[in-house]
Amino acid sequence: PALTGKRDCTIFVGNVAYDVQETELMELFSSIGEVVAIRAVKDRDTKSVKGYAFVDFVDPGVAQAAITRLNGIDFKGRPLNLQKADSGLLKASAANTRPAQGQGVASVG
């Protein structure tokens, strides 16, 4: 799914377990409020999670509530690090996840 277009509705989730499934993250974050999309960033070659993800919420208040309630909790043996995503993190995420088959080189600029 595409970015919501509302930066204040997106949070960065750091220290994610490398074997996490997006469905597990969806279950966790949906307990706080409505989730639009979850993107666990994966290595292009190995397809394993790189240890961080982005969660898009429908409302900025829900995004803040998720940070307040879930930051530092133990999830799959690791304490999660939650913070509001900035535009630099979002652009890096999009660049890392865009080529579905890893073919070709995109030109930026």
C-alpha atoms as a PDB file:
ATOM      1  CA  PRO A   1       0.000   0.000   0.000  1.00  0.00           C
ATOM      2  CA  ALA A   2       1.033   3.544  -0.687  1.00  0.00           C
ATOM      3  CA  LEU A   3       1.961   5.970   2.040  1.00  0.00           C
ATOM      4  CA  THR A   4      -1.022   7.679   3.611  1.00  0.00           C
ATOM      5  CA  GLY A   5       0.389  11.065   2.674  1.00  0.00           C
ATOM      6  CA  LYS A   6       0.059  12.141   6.315  1.00  0.00           C
ATOM      7  CA  ARG A   7       3.481  12.017   7.936  1.00  0.00           C
ATOM      8  CA  ASP A   8       1.999  12.611  11.361  1.00  0.00           C
ATOM      9  CA  CYS A   9       0.042   9.341  11.020  1.00  0.00           C
ATOM     10  CA  THR A  10       3.164   7.230  10.388  1.00  0.00           C
ATOM     11  CA  ILE A  11       5.464   5.853  13.060  1.00  0.00           C
ATOM     12  CA  PHE A  12       8.885   4.272  12.845  1.00  0.00           C
ATOM     13  CA  VAL A  13       9.253   0.993  14.739  1.00  0.00           C
ATOM     14  CA  GLY A  14      12.853   0.098  15.551  1.00  0.00           C
ATOM     15  CA  ASN A  15      14.435  -2.971  17.126  1.00  0.00           C
ATOM     16  CA  VAL A  16      11.964  -5.317  15.434  1.00  0.00           C
ATOM     17  CA  ALA A  17      12.797  -9.036  15.646  1.00  0.00           C
ATOM     18  CA  TYR A  18      14.287 -10.317  12.386  1.00  0.00           C
ATOM     19  CA  ASP A  19      11.769 -13.163  12.199  1.00  0.00           C
ATOM     20  CA  VAL A  20       8.670 -10.992  12.741  1.00  0.00           C
ATOM     21  CA  GLN A  21       5.715 -11.321  10.378  1.00  0.00           C
ATOM     22  CA  GLU A  22       3.733  -8.263   9.286  1.00  0.00           C
ATOM     23  CA  THR A  23       0.580 -10.015  10.551  1.00  0.00           C
ATOM     24  CA  GLU A  24       2.089 -10.069  14.072  1.00  0.00           C
ATOM     25  CA  LEU A  25       2.802  -6.341  13.880  1.00  0.00           C
ATOM     26  CA  MET A  26      -0.711  -5.724  12.550  1.00  0.00           C
ATOM     27  CA  GLU A  27      -2.195  -7.576  15.518  1.00  0.00           C
ATOM     28  CA  LEU A  28      -0.109  -5.564  17.986  1.00  0.00           C
ATOM     29  CA  PHE A  29      -0.746  -2.123  16.501  1.00  0.00           C
ATOM     30  CA  SER A  30      -4.421  -2.756  15.685  1.00  0.00           C
ATOM     31  CA  SER A  31      -4.967  -3.163  19.426  1.00  0.00           C
ATOM     32  CA  ILE A  32      -4.335   0.607  19.678  1.00  0.00           C
ATOM     33  CA  GLY A  33      -6.437   1.779  16.723  1.00  0.00           C
ATOM     34  CA  GLU A  34      -7.091   1.513  13.007  1.00  0.00           C
ATOM     35  CA  VAL A  35      -3.983   0.686  10.961  1.00  0.00           C
ATOM     36  CA  VAL A  36      -3.830   1.680   7.285  1.00  0.00           C
ATOM     37  CA  ALA A  37      -0.614  -0.192   6.398  1.00  0.00           C
ATOM     38  CA  ILE A  38       2.440  -1.877   7.863  1.00  0.00           C
ATOM     39  CA  ARG A  39       5.780  -2.098   6.085  1.00  0.00           C
ATOM     40  CA  ALA A  40       8.407  -4.311   7.675  1.00  0.00           C
ATOM     41  CA  VAL A  41      11.506  -3.291   5.717  1.00  0.00           C
ATOM     42  CA  LYS A  42      13.233  -6.338   4.240  1.00  0.00           C
ATOM     43  CA  ASP A  43      16.648  -7.018   2.784  1.00  0.00           C
ATOM     44  CA  ARG A  44      16.430  -7.010  -0.998  1.00  0.00           C
ATOM     45  CA  ASP A  45      18.465 -10.215  -1.382  1.00  0.00           C
ATOM     46  CA  THR A  46      17.607 -12.344   1.651  1.00  0.00           C
ATOM     47  CA  LYS A  47      14.021 -11.086   2.117  1.00  0.00           C
ATOM     48  CA  SER A  48      14.572 -11.122   5.892  1.00  0.00           C
ATOM     49  CA  VAL A  49      13.356  -8.195   8.008  1.00  0.00           C
ATOM     50  CA  LYS A  50      16.084  -5.588   8.559  1.00  0.00           C
ATOM     51  CA  GLY A  51      14.952  -4.852  12.112  1.00  0.00           C
ATOM     52  CA  TYR A  52      12.597  -1.940  11.541  1.00  0.00           C
ATOM     53  CA  ALA A  53       9.163  -1.180  10.163  1.00  0.00           C
ATOM     54  CA  PHE A  54       6.732   1.640   9.497  1.00  0.00           C
ATOM     55  CA  VAL A  55       3.111   1.700  10.613  1.00  0.00           C
ATOM     56  CA  ASP A  56       0.536   4.028   9.039  1.00  0.00           C
ATOM     57  CA  PHE A  57      -2.462   4.874  11.199  1.00  0.00           C
ATOM     58  CA  VAL A  58      -5.691   6.476  10.066  1.00  0.00           C
ATOM     59  CA  ASP A  59      -5.378   9.271  12.635  1.00  0.00           C
ATOM     60  CA  PRO A  60      -2.411  11.141  14.169  1.00  0.00           C
ATOM     61  CA  GLY A  61      -3.905  10.767  17.647  1.00  0.00           C
ATOM     62  CA  VAL A  62      -3.849   6.999  17.286  1.00  0.00           C
ATOM     63  CA  ALA A  63      -0.238   7.136  16.068  1.00  0.00           C
ATOM     64  CA  GLN A  64       0.726   9.131  19.177  1.00  0.00           C
ATOM     65  CA  ALA A  65      -1.220   6.727  21.410  1.00  0.00           C
ATOM     66  CA  ALA A  66       0.698   3.803  19.898  1.00  0.00           C
ATOM     67  CA  ILE A  67       4.017   5.514  20.656  1.00  0.00           C
ATOM     68  CA  THR A  68       2.933   6.315  24.215  1.00  0.00           C
ATOM     69  CA  ARG A  69       1.560   2.857  24.998  1.00  0.00           C
ATOM     70  CA  LEU A  70       3.932   0.562  23.091  1.00  0.00           C
ATOM     71  CA  ASN A  71       7.341   2.271  23.128  1.00  0.00           C
ATOM     72  CA  GLY A  72       9.776   0.069  25.030  1.00  0.00           C
ATOM     73  CA  ILE A  73       7.503  -2.960  25.357  1.00  0.00           C
ATOM     74  CA  ASP A  74       9.051  -6.384  24.874  1.00  0.00           C
ATOM     75  CA  PHE A  75       7.851  -7.837  21.568  1.00  0.00           C
ATOM     76  CA  LYS A  76       9.277 -11.194  20.501  1.00  0.00           C
ATOM     77  CA  GLY A  77      12.162 -10.782  22.944  1.00  0.00           C
ATOM     78  CA  ARG A  78      13.161  -7.236  21.947  1.00  0.00           C
ATOM     79  CA  PRO A  79      12.142  -3.844  23.344  1.00  0.00           C
ATOM     80  CA  LEU A  80      10.463  -1.843  20.575  1.00  0.00           C
ATOM     81  CA  ASN A  81      11.668   1.684  19.812  1.00  0.00           C
ATOM     82  CA  LEU A  82       8.763   3.773  18.512  1.00  0.00           C
ATOM     83  CA  GLN A  83       8.873   7.340  17.241  1.00  0.00           C
ATOM     84  CA  LYS A  84       7.170   9.538  14.691  1.00  0.00           C
ATOM     85  CA  ALA A  85       8.566   8.907  11.245  1.00  0.00           C
ATOM     86  CA  ASP A  86      10.211  11.820   9.472  1.00  0.00           C
ATOM     87  CA  SER A  87      10.253  12.338   5.720  1.00  0.00           C
ATOM     88  CA  GLY A  88      13.850  11.098   5.408  1.00  0.00           C
ATOM     89  CA  LEU A  89      12.967   7.756   6.988  1.00  0.00           C
ATOM     90  CA  LEU A  90       9.893   7.401   4.785  1.00  0.00           C
ATOM     91  CA  LYS A  91      11.858   8.116   1.600  1.00  0.00           C
ATOM     92  CA  ALA A  92      14.538   5.595   2.600  1.00  0.00           C
ATOM     93  CA  SER A  93      11.846   2.999   3.247  1.00  0.00           C
ATOM     94  CA  ALA A  94      10.248   3.586  -0.146  1.00  0.00           C
ATOM     95  CA  ALA A  95      13.643   3.328  -1.857  1.00  0.00           C
ATOM     96  CA  ASN A  96      14.419   0.059  -0.075  1.00  0.00           C
ATOM     97  CA  THR A  97      11.103  -1.611  -0.828  1.00  0.00           C
ATOM     98  CA  ARG A  98      10.173  -0.349  -4.290  1.00  0.00           C
ATOM     99  CA  PRO A  99      11.935  -2.824  -6.677  1.00  0.00           C
ATOM    100  CA  ALA A 100       9.842  -5.947  -6.277  1.00  0.00           C
ATOM    101  CA  GLN A 101      12.203  -8.173  -8.261  1.00  0.00           C
ATOM    102  CA  GLY A 102      15.414  -6.216  -7.818  1.00  0.00           C
ATOM    103  CA  GLN A 103      15.768  -5.635 -11.570  1.00  0.00           C
ATOM    104  CA  GLY A 104      16.904  -2.354 -13.012  1.00  0.00           C
ATOM    105  CA  VAL A 105      18.221   0.754 -11.334  1.00  0.00           C
ATOM    106  CA  ALA A 106      15.987   3.699 -10.583  1.00  0.00           C
ATOM    107  CA  SER A 107      17.329   7.162 -11.202  1.00  0.00           C
ATOM    108  CA  VAL A 108      16.582   9.705  -8.493  1.00  0.00           C
ATOM    109  CA  GLY A 109      16.698  13.399  -9.095  1.00  0.00           C
END
